[in-house]
PDB file of N, CA and C in Angstrom:
ATOM      1  N   MET A   1     110.965 156.029  69.272  1.00  0.00           N
ATOM      2  CA  MET A   1     109.598 156.092  69.786  1.00  0.00           C
ATOM      3  C   MET A   1     109.669 155.138  71.009  1.00  0.00           C
ATOM      4  N   GLY A   2     109.167 155.737  72.191  1.00  0.00           N
ATOM      5  CA  GLY A   2     109.008 154.876  73.321  1.00  0.00           C
ATOM      6  C   GLY A   2     107.599 154.476  73.550  1.00  0.00           C
ATOM      7  N   PHE A   3     107.437 153.295  74.174  1.00  0.00           N
ATOM      8  CA  PHE A   3     106.056 152.803  74.355  1.00  0.00           C
ATOM      9  C   PHE A   3     105.789 152.577  75.808  1.00  0.00           C
ATOM     10  N   GLY A   4     104.672 153.098  76.320  1.00  0.00           N
ATOM     11  CA  GLY A   4     104.381 152.797  77.699  1.00  0.00           C
ATOM     12  C   GLY A   4     102.835 152.381  77.753  1.00  0.00           C
ATOM     13  N   VAL A   5     102.473 151.777  76.672  1.00  0.00           N
ATOM     14  CA  VAL A   5     101.078 151.517  76.548  1.00  0.00           C
ATOM     15  C   VAL A   5     100.943 150.032  77.083  1.00  0.00           C
ATOM     16  N   ALA A   6      99.791 149.847  77.978  1.00  0.00           N
ATOM     17  CA  ALA A   6      99.352 148.637  78.560  1.00  0.00           C
ATOM     18  C   ALA A   6      98.092 148.090  77.945  1.00  0.00           C
ATOM     19  N   ALA A   7      97.264 148.956  77.545  1.00  0.00           N
ATOM     20  CA  ALA A   7      95.996 148.563  77.080  1.00  0.00           C
ATOM     21  C   ALA A   7      95.475 149.540  76.104  1.00  0.00           C
ATOM     22  N   VAL A   8      94.842 149.072  74.995  1.00  0.00           N
ATOM     23  CA  VAL A   8      94.375 150.029  73.957  1.00  0.00           C
ATOM     24  C   VAL A   8      92.982 149.664  73.427  1.00  0.00           C
ATOM     25  N   ALA A   9      92.319 150.508  72.772  1.00  0.00           N
ATOM     26  CA  ALA A   9      91.189 150.166  72.038  1.00  0.00           C
ATOM     27  C   ALA A   9      91.333 150.604  70.541  1.00  0.00           C
ATOM     28  N   VAL A  10      91.024 149.704  69.737  1.00  0.00           N
ATOM     29  CA  VAL A  10      91.174 149.957  68.209  1.00  0.00           C
ATOM     30  C   VAL A  10      89.839 149.736  67.460  1.00  0.00           C
ATOM     31  N   SER A  11      89.559 150.730  66.659  1.00  0.00           N
ATOM     32  CA  SER A  11      88.446 150.605  65.739  1.00  0.00           C
ATOM     33  C   SER A  11      88.862 150.333  64.394  1.00  0.00           C
ATOM     34  N   VAL A  12      88.211 149.384  63.681  1.00  0.00           N
ATOM     35  CA  VAL A  12      88.639 149.090  62.307  1.00  0.00           C
ATOM     36  C   VAL A  12      87.426 149.099  61.394  1.00  0.00           C
ATOM     37  N   HIS A  13      87.534 149.741  60.334  1.00  0.00           N
ATOM     38  CA  HIS A  13      86.398 149.686  59.335  1.00  0.00           C
ATOM     39  C   HIS A  13      86.882 148.747  58.255  1.00  0.00           C
ATOM     40  N   ARG A  14      86.177 147.643  58.040  1.00  0.00           N
ATOM     41  CA  ARG A  14      86.546 146.654  57.180  1.00  0.00           C
ATOM     42  C   ARG A  14      85.261 146.289  56.261  1.00  0.00           C
ATOM     43  N   GLU A  15      85.419 146.524  54.932  1.00  0.00           N
ATOM     44  CA  GLU A  15      84.287 146.263  54.068  1.00  0.00           C
ATOM     45  C   GLU A  15      83.078 146.715  54.506  1.00  0.00           C
ATOM     46  N   ARG A  16      83.046 147.989  54.847  1.00  0.00           N
ATOM     47  CA  ARG A  16      81.857 148.687  55.331  1.00  0.00           C
ATOM     48  C   ARG A  16      81.322 148.159  56.637  1.00  0.00           C
ATOM     49  N   ARG A  17      82.051 147.322  57.399  1.00  0.00           N
ATOM     50  CA  ARG A  17      81.647 146.825  58.650  1.00  0.00           C
ATOM     51  C   ARG A  17      82.653 147.402  59.644  1.00  0.00           C
ATOM     52  N   ARG A  18      82.199 147.673  60.836  1.00  0.00           N
ATOM     53  CA  ARG A  18      83.086 148.206  61.835  1.00  0.00           C
ATOM     54  C   ARG A  18      83.154 147.274  62.996  1.00  0.00           C
ATOM     55  N   PHE A  19      84.336 147.047  63.469  1.00  0.00           N
ATOM     56  CA  PHE A  19      84.467 146.187  64.765  1.00  0.00           C
ATOM     57  C   PHE A  19      85.489 147.007  65.700  1.00  0.00           C
ATOM     58  N   HIS A  20      85.236 146.796  66.942  1.00  0.00           N
ATOM     59  CA  HIS A  20      85.952 147.553  67.969  1.00  0.00           C
ATOM     60  C   HIS A  20      86.598 146.421  68.826  1.00  0.00           C
ATOM     61  N   SER A  21      87.938 146.619  69.208  1.00  0.00           N
ATOM     62  CA  SER A  21      88.553 145.687  69.925  1.00  0.00           C
ATOM     63  C   SER A  21      89.306 146.364  71.195  1.00  0.00           C
ATOM     64  N   ARG A  22      89.325 145.721  72.241  1.00  0.00           N
ATOM     65  CA  ARG A  22      90.023 146.243  73.393  1.00  0.00           C
ATOM     66  C   ARG A  22      90.893 145.114  73.860  1.00  0.00           C
ATOM     67  N   GLY A  23      92.187 145.515  74.342  1.00  0.00           N
ATOM     68  CA  GLY A  23      93.125 144.379  74.753  1.00  0.00           C
ATOM     69  C   GLY A  23      94.359 145.044  75.107  1.00  0.00           C
ATOM     70  N   THR A  24      95.260 144.074  75.363  1.00  0.00           N
ATOM     71  CA  THR A  24      96.688 144.414  75.723  1.00  0.00           C
ATOM     72  C   THR A  24      97.457 144.571  74.421  1.00  0.00           C
ATOM     73  N   VAL A  25      98.617 145.243  74.547  1.00  0.00           N
ATOM     74  CA  VAL A  25      99.545 145.393  73.550  1.00  0.00           C
ATOM     75  C   VAL A  25     100.966 145.376  74.189  1.00  0.00           C
ATOM     76  N   SER A  26     101.859 144.829  73.363  1.00  0.00           N
ATOM     77  CA  SER A  26     103.263 144.801  74.001  1.00  0.00           C
ATOM     78  C   SER A  26     104.132 145.572  72.919  1.00  0.00           C
ATOM     79  N   GLY A  27     105.277 146.005  73.570  1.00  0.00           N
ATOM     80  CA  GLY A  27     106.210 146.825  72.676  1.00  0.00           C
ATOM     81  C   GLY A  27     107.394 145.843  72.472  1.00  0.00           C
ATOM     82  N   GLU A  28     107.710 145.736  71.126  1.00  0.00           N
ATOM     83  CA  GLU A  28     108.923 145.012  70.738  1.00  0.00           C
ATOM     84  C   GLU A  28     109.840 145.788  69.857  1.00  0.00           C
ATOM     85  N   GLY A  29     110.881 146.374  70.492  1.00  0.00           N
ATOM     86  CA  GLY A  29     111.670 147.327  69.789  1.00  0.00           C
ATOM     87  C   GLY A  29     110.813 148.553  69.350  1.00  0.00           C
ATOM     88  N   ASP A  30     110.696 148.931  68.136  1.00  0.00           N
ATOM     89  CA  ASP A  30     110.027 149.992  67.708  1.00  0.00           C
ATOM     90  C   ASP A  30     108.702 149.609  67.169  1.00  0.00           C
ATOM     91  N   ALA A  31     108.032 148.519  67.550  1.00  0.00           N
ATOM     92  CA  ALA A  31     106.768 148.092  67.049  1.00  0.00           C
ATOM     93  C   ALA A  31     105.791 147.896  68.272  1.00  0.00           C
ATOM     94  N   LEU A  32     104.524 148.011  68.007  1.00  0.00           N
ATOM     95  CA  LEU A  32     103.499 147.650  68.879  1.00  0.00           C
ATOM     96  C   LEU A  32     102.956 146.252  68.337  1.00  0.00           C
ATOM     97  N   VAL A  33     102.851 145.287  69.251  1.00  0.00           N
ATOM     98  CA  VAL A  33     102.337 143.976  68.792  1.00  0.00           C
ATOM     99  C   VAL A  33     101.056 143.633  69.569  1.00  0.00           C
ATOM    100  N   PHE A  34     100.012 143.492  68.910  1.00  0.00           N
ATOM    101  CA  PHE A  34      98.754 143.135  69.391  1.00  0.00           C
ATOM    102  C   PHE A  34      98.471 141.643  69.232  1.00  0.00           C
ATOM    103  N   PRO A  35      98.306 141.077  70.387  1.00  0.00           N
ATOM    104  CA  PRO A  35      98.136 139.558  70.370  1.00  0.00           C
ATOM    105  C   PRO A  35      96.863 139.070  69.680  1.00  0.00           C
ATOM    106  N   PRO A  36      96.694 137.864  69.288  1.00  0.00           N
ATOM    107  CA  PRO A  36      95.449 137.360  68.712  1.00  0.00           C
ATOM    108  C   PRO A  36      94.230 137.782  69.549  1.00  0.00           C
ATOM    109  N   SER A  37      93.182 138.209  68.776  1.00  0.00           N
ATOM    110  CA  SER A  37      91.886 138.577  69.403  1.00  0.00           C
ATOM    111  C   SER A  37      90.816 138.120  68.529  1.00  0.00           C
ATOM    112  N   SER A  38      89.606 137.892  68.913  1.00  0.00           N
ATOM    113  CA  SER A  38      88.583 137.391  68.155  1.00  0.00           C
ATOM    114  C   SER A  38      87.349 138.300  68.196  1.00  0.00           C
ATOM    115  N   TYR A  39      86.518 138.200  67.205  1.00  0.00           N
ATOM    116  CA  TYR A  39      85.266 138.832  67.077  1.00  0.00           C
ATOM    117  C   TYR A  39      84.253 137.889  66.360  1.00  0.00           C
ATOM    118  N   LEU A  40      82.987 138.244  66.609  1.00  0.00           N
ATOM    119  CA  LEU A  40      81.961 137.417  65.937  1.00  0.00           C
ATOM    120  C   LEU A  40      81.385 138.099  64.729  1.00  0.00           C
ATOM    121  N   GLU A  41      81.338 137.505  63.567  1.00  0.00           N
ATOM    122  CA  GLU A  41      80.873 137.982  62.354  1.00  0.00           C
ATOM    123  C   GLU A  41      79.936 136.942  61.635  1.00  0.00           C
ATOM    124  N   LYS A  42      78.684 137.237  61.389  1.00  0.00           N
ATOM    125  CA  LYS A  42      77.798 136.336  60.684  1.00  0.00           C
ATOM    126  C   LYS A  42      77.782 134.995  61.391  1.00  0.00           C
ATOM    127  N   GLY A  43      77.846 134.927  62.687  1.00  0.00           N
ATOM    128  CA  GLY A  43      77.673 133.608  63.315  1.00  0.00           C
ATOM    129  C   GLY A  43      79.077 132.859  63.431  1.00  0.00           C
ATOM    130  N   GLN A  44      80.166 133.461  62.786  1.00  0.00           N
ATOM    131  CA  GLN A  44      81.455 132.799  62.792  1.00  0.00           C
ATOM    132  C   GLN A  44      82.372 133.579  63.723  1.00  0.00           C
ATOM    133  N   THR A  45      83.286 132.959  64.371  1.00  0.00           N
ATOM    134  CA  THR A  45      84.326 133.561  65.054  1.00  0.00           C
ATOM    135  C   THR A  45      85.600 133.878  64.232  1.00  0.00           C
ATOM    136  N   GLN A  46      85.992 135.045  64.194  1.00  0.00           N
ATOM    137  CA  GLN A  46      87.237 135.456  63.319  1.00  0.00           C
ATOM    138  C   GLN A  46      88.325 135.827  64.286  1.00  0.00           C
ATOM    139  N   THR A  47      89.495 135.302  64.063  1.00  0.00           N
ATOM    140  CA  THR A  47      90.655 135.666  64.952  1.00  0.00           C
ATOM    141  C   THR A  47      91.699 136.418  64.099  1.00  0.00           C
ATOM    142  N   TYR A  48      92.217 137.387  64.685  1.00  0.00           N
ATOM    143  CA  TYR A  48      93.144 138.285  63.923  1.00  0.00           C
ATOM    144  C   TYR A  48      94.310 138.731  64.880  1.00  0.00           C
ATOM    145  N   ARG A  49      95.334 139.218  64.283  1.00  0.00           N
ATOM    146  CA  ARG A  49      96.465 139.816  65.110  1.00  0.00           C
ATOM    147  C   ARG A  49      97.028 140.937  64.298  1.00  0.00           C
ATOM    148  N   SER A  50      97.802 141.866  64.985  1.00  0.00           N
ATOM    149  CA  SER A  50      98.261 143.055  64.233  1.00  0.00           C
ATOM    150  C   SER A  50      99.673 143.453  64.862  1.00  0.00           C
ATOM    151  N   ARG A  51     100.394 144.030  63.962  1.00  0.00           N
ATOM    152  CA  ARG A  51     101.753 144.559  64.285  1.00  0.00           C
ATOM    153  C   ARG A  51     101.772 145.977  63.679  1.00  0.00           C
ATOM    154  N   TRP A  52     102.144 146.923  64.567  1.00  0.00           N
ATOM    155  CA  TRP A  52     102.241 148.353  64.114  1.00  0.00           C
ATOM    156  C   TRP A  52     103.728 148.708  64.180  1.00  0.00           C
ATOM    157  N   GLN A  53     104.468 148.731  63.103  1.00  0.00           N
ATOM    158  CA  GLN A  53     105.765 149.019  63.026  1.00  0.00           C
ATOM    159  C   GLN A  53     106.021 150.494  62.832  1.00  0.00           C
ATOM    160  N   ALA A  54     106.864 151.151  63.705  1.00  0.00           N
ATOM    161  CA  ALA A  54     107.159 152.593  63.527  1.00  0.00           C
ATOM    162  C   ALA A  54     107.699 152.855  62.228  1.00  0.00           C
ATOM    163  N   ALA A  55     107.340 153.940  61.558  1.00  0.00           N
ATOM    164  CA  ALA A  55     107.908 154.281  60.266  1.00  0.00           C
ATOM    165  C   ALA A  55     108.245 155.773  60.369  1.00  0.00           C
ATOM    166  N   GLY A  56     109.296 156.064  61.003  1.00  0.00           N
ATOM    167  CA  GLY A  56     109.625 157.471  61.145  1.00  0.00           C
ATOM    168  C   GLY A  56     109.082 157.945  62.540  1.00  0.00           C
ATOM    169  N   GLN A  57     109.040 159.270  62.798  1.00  0.00           N
ATOM    170  CA  GLN A  57     108.633 159.846  64.019  1.00  0.00           C
ATOM    171  C   GLN A  57     107.165 159.898  64.150  1.00  0.00           C
ATOM    172  N   ASP A  58     106.391 160.032  63.076  1.00  0.00           N
ATOM    173  CA  ASP A  58     104.996 160.334  63.002  1.00  0.00           C
ATOM    174  C   ASP A  58     104.123 159.329  62.262  1.00  0.00           C
ATOM    175  N   ALA A  59     104.547 158.083  62.089  1.00  0.00           N
ATOM    176  CA  ALA A  59     103.801 157.067  61.318  1.00  0.00           C
ATOM    177  C   ALA A  59     104.042 155.762  61.794  1.00  0.00           C
ATOM    178  N   TYR A  60     103.065 154.790  61.326  1.00  0.00           N
ATOM    179  CA  TYR A  60     103.171 153.418  61.611  1.00  0.00           C
ATOM    180  C   TYR A  60     102.841 152.679  60.324  1.00  0.00           C
ATOM    181  N   ASP A  61     103.463 151.564  60.059  1.00  0.00           N
ATOM    182  CA  ASP A  61     102.958 150.591  58.977  1.00  0.00           C
ATOM    183  C   ASP A  61     102.294 149.408  59.776  1.00  0.00           C
ATOM    184  N   VAL A  62     101.019 149.226  59.398  1.00  0.00           N
ATOM    185  CA  VAL A  62     100.234 148.317  60.144  1.00  0.00           C
ATOM    186  C   VAL A  62     100.074 147.081  59.264  1.00  0.00           C
ATOM    187  N   VAL A  63     100.241 145.864  59.741  1.00  0.00           N
ATOM    188  CA  VAL A  63      99.990 144.593  59.164  1.00  0.00           C
ATOM    189  C   VAL A  63      99.110 143.719  60.028  1.00  0.00           C
ATOM    190  N   THR A  64      97.890 143.436  59.493  1.00  0.00           N
ATOM    191  CA  THR A  64      97.041 142.597  60.219  1.00  0.00           C
ATOM    192  C   THR A  64      96.792 141.254  59.466  1.00  0.00           C
ATOM    193  N   GLU A  65      96.838 140.182  60.191  1.00  0.00           N
ATOM    194  CA  GLU A  65      96.580 138.897  59.713  1.00  0.00           C
ATOM    195  C   GLU A  65      95.439 138.208  60.373  1.00  0.00           C
ATOM    196  N   PHE A  66      94.848 137.231  59.593  1.00  0.00           N
ATOM    197  CA  PHE A  66      93.703 136.488  60.051  1.00  0.00           C
ATOM    198  C   PHE A  66      94.150 135.057  60.154  1.00  0.00           C
ATOM    199  N   GLN A  67      93.429 134.403  61.178  1.00  0.00           N
ATOM    200  CA  GLN A  67      93.688 132.956  61.309  1.00  0.00           C
ATOM    201  C   GLN A  67      92.762 132.140  60.505  1.00  0.00           C
ATOM    202  N   VAL A  68      93.241 131.292  59.639  1.00  0.00           N
ATOM    203  CA  VAL A  68      92.322 130.424  58.860  1.00  0.00           C
ATOM    204  C   VAL A  68      92.799 129.002  59.148  1.00  0.00           C
ATOM    205  N   GLN A  69      91.869 128.250  59.823  1.00  0.00           N
ATOM    206  CA  GLN A  69      92.236 126.920  60.304  1.00  0.00           C
ATOM    207  C   GLN A  69      93.366 127.137  61.269  1.00  0.00           C
ATOM    208  N   GLU A  70      94.626 126.522  60.970  1.00  0.00           N
ATOM    209  CA  GLU A  70      95.624 126.570  61.929  1.00  0.00           C
ATOM    210  C   GLU A  70      96.883 127.502  61.404  1.00  0.00           C
ATOM    211  N   ARG A  71      96.508 128.289  60.395  1.00  0.00           N
ATOM    212  CA  ARG A  71      97.662 129.194  59.954  1.00  0.00           C
ATOM    213  C   ARG A  71      97.142 130.522  59.849  1.00  0.00           C
ATOM    214  N   TRP A  72      98.233 131.558  59.851  1.00  0.00           N
ATOM    215  CA  TRP A  72      97.967 132.989  59.670  1.00  0.00           C
ATOM    216  C   TRP A  72      98.076 133.292  58.269  1.00  0.00           C
ATOM    217  N   VAL A  73      97.095 134.217  57.697  1.00  0.00           N
ATOM    218  CA  VAL A  73      97.136 134.607  56.282  1.00  0.00           C
ATOM    219  C   VAL A  73      97.071 136.048  56.354  1.00  0.00           C
ATOM    220  N   PRO A  74      97.558 136.752  55.255  1.00  0.00           N
ATOM    221  CA  PRO A  74      97.449 138.196  55.135  1.00  0.00           C
ATOM    222  C   PRO A  74      96.116 138.736  55.141  1.00  0.00           C
ATOM    223  N   GLY A  75      95.840 139.767  55.886  1.00  0.00           N
ATOM    224  CA  GLY A  75      94.533 140.384  55.899  1.00  0.00           C
ATOM    225  C   GLY A  75      94.630 141.719  55.177  1.00  0.00           C
ATOM    226  N   PHE A  76      95.265 142.734  55.755  1.00  0.00           N
ATOM    227  CA  PHE A  76      95.494 144.014  55.146  1.00  0.00           C
ATOM    228  C   PHE A  76      96.645 144.768  55.711  1.00  0.00           C
ATOM    229  N   LYS A  77      97.171 145.686  54.939  1.00  0.00           N
ATOM    230  CA  LYS A  77      98.276 146.440  55.285  1.00  0.00           C
ATOM    231  C   LYS A  77      97.840 147.900  55.082  1.00  0.00           C
ATOM    232  N   LEU A  78      98.311 148.811  55.951  1.00  0.00           N
ATOM    233  CA  LEU A  78      98.029 150.208  55.769  1.00  0.00           C
ATOM    234  C   LEU A  78      99.153 151.027  56.353  1.00  0.00           C
ATOM    235  N   HIS A  79      99.279 152.288  55.996  1.00  0.00           N
ATOM    236  CA  HIS A  79     100.154 153.218  56.516  1.00  0.00           C
ATOM    237  C   HIS A  79      99.336 154.209  57.252  1.00  0.00           C
ATOM    238  N   MET A  80      99.701 154.503  58.514  1.00  0.00           N
ATOM    239  CA  MET A  80      98.982 155.551  59.334  1.00  0.00           C
ATOM    240  C   MET A  80     100.083 156.668  59.566  1.00  0.00           C
ATOM    241  N   GLN A  81      99.631 157.865  59.079  1.00  0.00           N
ATOM    242  CA  GLN A  81     100.542 158.921  59.257  1.00  0.00           C
ATOM    243  C   GLN A  81      99.842 160.088  60.045  1.00  0.00           C
ATOM    244  N   LYS A  82     100.510 160.578  61.036  1.00  0.00           N
ATOM    245  CA  LYS A  82      99.926 161.631  61.850  1.00  0.00           C
ATOM    246  C   LYS A  82      99.979 162.925  60.901  1.00  0.00           C
ATOM    247  N   VAL A  83      98.929 163.680  60.858  1.00  0.00           N
ATOM    248  CA  VAL A  83      98.779 164.861  60.076  1.00  0.00           C
ATOM    249  C   VAL A  83      98.422 165.963  61.145  1.00  0.00           C
ATOM    250  N   MET A  84      98.971 167.121  60.705  1.00  0.00           N
ATOM    251  CA  MET A  84      98.704 168.408  61.492  1.00  0.00           C
ATOM    252  C   MET A  84      97.371 168.885  61.258  1.00  0.00           C
ATOM    253  N   SER A  85      96.612 169.179  62.228  1.00  0.00           N
ATOM    254  CA  SER A  85      95.225 169.830  61.946  1.00  0.00           C
ATOM    255  C   SER A  85      95.374 171.248  61.428  1.00  0.00           C
ATOM    256  N   ALA A  86      94.426 171.516  60.626  1.00  0.00           N
ATOM    257  CA  ALA A  86      94.399 172.931  59.992  1.00  0.00           C
ATOM    258  C   ALA A  86      94.108 173.877  61.131  1.00  0.00           C
ATOM    259  N   LYS A  87      94.774 175.086  61.049  1.00  0.00           N
ATOM    260  CA  LYS A  87      94.488 176.092  62.070  1.00  0.00           C
ATOM    261  C   LYS A  87      93.175 176.777  61.723  1.00  0.00           C
ATOM    262  N   ARG A  88      92.408 177.077  62.748  1.00  0.00           N
ATOM    263  CA  ARG A  88      91.075 177.703  62.550  1.00  0.00           C
ATOM    264  C   ARG A  88      91.115 179.103  62.892  1.00  0.00           C
TER     265      ARG A  88
END
């Protein structure tokens, strides 16, 4: 997979809450690396980062971590697979 992406927008649904993030992304080998970004939830700032590792031609394994005090802790992992749309 080749990457020519300079900026992206990501929407995430987390525990019935949705947040939207815009920012830069860099390519490292066959992975997309999203630098730390923050959002406000219940009056608290939450910082997270993500890495989307290519998993074959049509999929990514996504790992998102959250910053707690001065360290990064696991957030969630998911597998995103491209699926073919049904013919109408």
